[in-house]
Amino acid sequence: MDRSTALLIVDMQQEMANVAATGRPQANPGAEETVARIAAAFRAAGLPVVHVLHDDPRPESRFRRDLPSGRPLPCAAPQDGEAVFWKSGSSGFCGTGLDSHLRDAGVSRLVVVGGVAAFCVNSTARSAANLGFDVVVAEDALIAFDLPARNGGMLDAEVVLEVTLSALHAGFGKVVRAEDVLAQLPAGAET
């Protein structure tokens, strides 16, 4: 990988940890640590790390930048010089300037991590592919919760994640494990 590849961290905000702390079923309980590992490796390799965070305009939302629950998780906190984009919808590309920033930086390939897999990660990865970026999704660096079924009951977190990743892999990018991403970074970049 070279500087044409950026790590795109989606919605790694405190509310994700708050939800997980309630005991809500999730597919990748180690996602935070995996995101931290990938981010550290990208930084060590001198590759761009870009953050997209959710700032929901609804007053009842916990994903607002003016609340502690809207702050970045420590595992994915932006460092000096890293671009941060705030979105109010699902895709990190809608109304944020992310597309222009990436193109101006010469980025053509994105490694996408973050949360929630079936929602904002899915929307952002699909938008990136539709805009012509080469998309790689690190499956074990995604926060993935169970989901209420439209006809009642709950869909298992593992099933939700598998369906999301299968759809992404079928038409929008490549789904790989974090170790595959790390193996493509320059030697010594993994910390």
Protein backbone atom coordinates (compact mmCIF):
# COMPACT_ATOMS: atom_id res chain seq x y z
CA MET A 1 0.00 0.00 0.00
CA ASP A 2 1.07 3.54 -0.67
CA ARG A 3 -0.34 7.06 -0.10
CA SER A 4 -3.11 6.35 -2.60
CA THR A 5 -4.63 4.16 0.14
CA ALA A 6 -6.34 5.73 3.16
CA LEU A 7 -7.89 4.27 6.26
CA LEU A 8 -11.47 5.52 6.65
CA ILE A 9 -12.76 5.20 10.22
CA VAL A 10 -16.56 5.50 10.37
CA ASP A 11 -18.56 6.52 13.48
CA MET A 12 -16.23 5.18 16.16
CA GLN A 13 -18.00 7.21 18.83
CA GLN A 14 -18.61 6.74 22.55
CA GLU A 15 -22.25 5.78 22.02
CA MET A 16 -21.05 2.57 20.34
CA ALA A 17 -19.34 1.56 23.58
CA ASN A 18 -22.37 2.69 25.59
CA VAL A 19 -24.64 0.40 23.56
CA ALA A 20 -22.20 -2.51 23.85
CA ALA A 21 -22.02 -1.98 27.62
CA THR A 22 -25.77 -2.61 27.87
CA GLY A 23 -25.10 -6.20 26.80
CA ARG A 24 -26.65 -5.83 23.36
CA PRO A 25 -25.52 -8.78 21.22
CA GLN A 26 -22.71 -7.96 18.81
CA ALA A 27 -20.76 -9.92 16.22
CA ASN A 28 -17.27 -8.48 16.70
CA PRO A 29 -16.73 -7.74 20.40
CA GLY A 30 -13.02 -7.07 19.70
CA ALA A 31 -13.66 -4.51 16.95
CA GLU A 32 -12.37 -1.54 18.97
CA GLU A 33 -8.97 -3.17 19.51
CA THR A 34 -8.78 -4.19 15.85
CA VAL A 35 -9.57 -0.65 14.68
CA ALA A 36 -6.84 0.65 17.00
CA ARG A 37 -4.32 -1.84 15.58
CA ILE A 38 -5.09 -0.92 11.99
CA ALA A 39 -5.01 2.81 12.73
CA ALA A 40 -1.65 2.49 14.49
CA ALA A 41 -0.23 0.55 11.55
CA PHE A 42 -1.45 3.10 9.00
CA ARG A 43 0.05 5.90 11.08
CA ALA A 44 3.35 4.04 11.44
CA ALA A 45 3.43 3.55 7.66
CA GLY A 46 2.75 7.26 7.07
CA LEU A 47 -0.53 6.53 5.30
CA PRO A 48 -3.59 8.78 5.57
CA VAL A 49 -6.14 8.18 8.33
CA VAL A 50 -9.49 9.89 7.81
CA HIS A 51 -12.41 10.03 10.26
CA VAL A 52 -16.12 10.34 9.62
CA LEU A 53 -18.30 10.97 12.67
CA HIS A 54 -22.06 11.17 13.05
CA ASP A 55 -23.74 14.40 14.16
CA ASP A 56 -27.46 13.61 14.10
CA PRO A 57 -29.61 16.75 14.07
CA ARG A 58 -32.39 15.11 16.08
CA PRO A 59 -32.33 16.33 19.70
CA GLU A 60 -33.02 12.85 21.09
CA SER A 61 -30.04 11.30 19.28
CA ARG A 62 -27.00 10.22 21.28
CA PHE A 63 -24.83 10.68 18.16
CA ARG A 64 -24.31 14.41 18.42
CA ARG A 65 -20.99 16.18 18.58
CA ASP A 66 -22.16 18.33 21.51
CA LEU A 67 -22.66 15.27 23.75
CA PRO A 68 -20.07 13.05 25.47
CA SER A 69 -21.70 10.10 23.67
CA GLY A 70 -20.78 11.71 20.33
CA ARG A 71 -17.08 12.00 21.07
CA PRO A 72 -14.62 9.68 19.32
CA LEU A 73 -13.72 6.49 21.14
CA PRO A 74 -10.15 6.49 22.49
CA CYS A 75 -9.26 3.60 20.16
CA ALA A 76 -10.04 5.78 17.15
CA ALA A 77 -9.45 9.33 18.34
CA PRO A 78 -8.20 11.59 15.55
CA GLN A 79 -4.57 12.60 15.82
CA ASP A 80 -3.08 15.93 14.77
CA GLY A 81 -3.25 16.36 11.02
CA GLU A 82 -5.92 13.71 10.42
CA ALA A 83 -9.00 14.90 8.56
CA VAL A 84 -12.33 14.72 10.39
CA PHE A 85 -15.69 14.99 8.64
CA TRP A 86 -19.04 15.27 10.43
CA LYS A 87 -22.07 13.82 8.69
CA SER A 88 -25.75 14.11 9.50
CA GLY A 89 -26.90 11.15 7.42
CA SER A 90 -25.78 7.59 6.82
CA SER A 91 -23.09 7.95 4.15
CA GLY A 92 -19.83 9.67 4.98
CA PHE A 93 -19.85 11.15 1.49
CA CYS A 94 -23.19 13.01 1.61
CA GLY A 95 -22.67 16.71 2.22
CA THR A 96 -19.31 16.37 3.95
CA GLY A 97 -16.58 17.21 1.44
CA LEU A 98 -14.99 13.78 1.99
CA ASP A 99 -14.92 12.95 -1.74
CA SER A 100 -13.05 16.17 -2.63
CA HIS A 101 -10.64 15.75 0.27
CA LEU A 102 -9.72 12.21 -0.78
CA ARG A 103 -9.32 13.10 -4.45
CA ASP A 104 -7.21 16.17 -3.62
CA ALA A 105 -4.98 13.90 -1.51
CA GLY A 106 -4.59 11.42 -4.39
CA VAL A 107 -6.48 8.66 -2.58
CA SER A 108 -8.07 6.05 -4.81
CA ARG A 109 -8.33 3.13 -2.39
CA LEU A 110 -10.09 3.04 0.99
CA VAL A 111 -9.81 0.57 3.83
CA VAL A 112 -13.08 1.00 5.72
CA VAL A 113 -13.54 0.19 9.42
CA GLY A 114 -15.93 1.32 12.17
CA GLY A 115 -19.59 1.11 12.99
CA VAL A 116 -22.27 0.19 12.62
CA ALA A 117 -21.61 -2.34 9.84
CA ALA A 118 -25.18 -2.63 8.54
CA PHE A 119 -25.79 1.12 8.59
CA CYS A 120 -23.17 3.86 8.16
CA VAL A 121 -20.27 1.57 7.22
CA ASN A 122 -22.48 -0.07 4.59
CA SER A 123 -23.72 3.28 3.21
CA THR A 124 -20.25 4.81 3.19
CA ALA A 125 -18.59 1.82 1.51
CA ARG A 126 -21.30 1.65 -1.16
CA SER A 127 -21.04 5.39 -1.82
CA ALA A 128 -17.25 5.11 -2.09
CA ALA A 129 -17.57 2.31 -4.65
CA ASN A 130 -20.19 4.25 -6.60
CA LEU A 131 -17.81 7.23 -6.69
CA GLY A 132 -15.05 5.03 -8.18
CA PHE A 133 -12.92 4.29 -5.13
CA ASP A 134 -11.43 0.83 -4.68
CA VAL A 135 -13.02 -0.34 -1.41
CA VAL A 136 -11.64 -2.82 1.11
CA VAL A 137 -13.67 -3.57 4.25
CA ALA A 138 -11.90 -5.10 7.24
CA GLU A 139 -14.61 -7.44 8.52
CA ASP A 140 -13.25 -7.89 12.04
CA ALA A 141 -12.78 -4.13 12.50
CA LEU A 142 -16.51 -3.44 12.34
CA ILE A 143 -18.99 -2.91 15.14
CA ALA A 144 -22.03 -5.04 14.40
CA PHE A 145 -25.12 -5.37 16.57
CA ASP A 146 -28.27 -7.43 16.30
CA LEU A 147 -31.16 -5.79 14.47
CA PRO A 148 -34.92 -5.67 14.97
CA ALA A 149 -36.61 -7.66 12.21
CA ARG A 150 -39.26 -5.77 10.26
CA ASN A 151 -41.87 -8.43 11.07
CA GLY A 152 -40.97 -8.77 14.73
CA GLY A 153 -38.23 -10.43 16.70
CA MET A 154 -34.51 -9.83 16.37
CA LEU A 155 -31.99 -10.75 13.70
CA ASP A 156 -28.82 -12.25 15.15
CA ALA A 157 -25.77 -9.95 15.05
CA GLU A 158 -23.67 -12.57 13.23
CA VAL A 159 -26.38 -12.97 10.56
CA VAL A 160 -26.73 -9.21 10.10
CA LEU A 161 -22.96 -8.85 9.71
CA GLU A 162 -22.70 -11.76 7.27
CA VAL A 163 -25.52 -10.45 5.05
CA THR A 164 -24.02 -6.93 5.09
CA LEU A 165 -20.53 -8.16 4.24
CA SER A 166 -21.80 -10.56 1.58
CA ALA A 167 -23.67 -7.75 -0.19
CA LEU A 168 -20.64 -5.46 -0.01
CA HIS A 169 -18.31 -8.18 -1.27
CA ALA A 170 -20.68 -9.13 -4.11
CA GLY A 171 -20.81 -5.71 -5.67
CA PHE A 172 -19.01 -2.90 -3.89
CA GLY A 173 -15.56 -3.97 -2.77
CA LYS A 174 -13.44 -6.61 -1.17
CA VAL A 175 -14.05 -7.95 2.33
CA VAL A 176 -10.94 -9.15 4.16
CA ARG A 177 -9.69 -9.76 7.69
CA ALA A 178 -7.58 -7.15 9.48
CA GLU A 179 -4.51 -9.40 9.25
CA ASP A 180 -4.80 -9.23 5.43
CA VAL A 181 -4.82 -5.42 5.56
CA LEU A 182 -1.86 -5.36 7.95
CA ALA A 183 0.10 -7.79 5.78
CA GLN A 184 -0.09 -5.31 2.87
CA LEU A 185 1.44 -2.46 4.85
CA PRO A 186 5.18 -1.78 4.70
CA ALA A 187 7.31 -3.99 6.94
CA GLY A 188 7.44 -2.74 10.51
CA ALA A 189 4.23 -0.72 10.19
CA GLU A 190 2.21 -3.06 12.41
CA THR A 191 2.52 -2.08 16.03
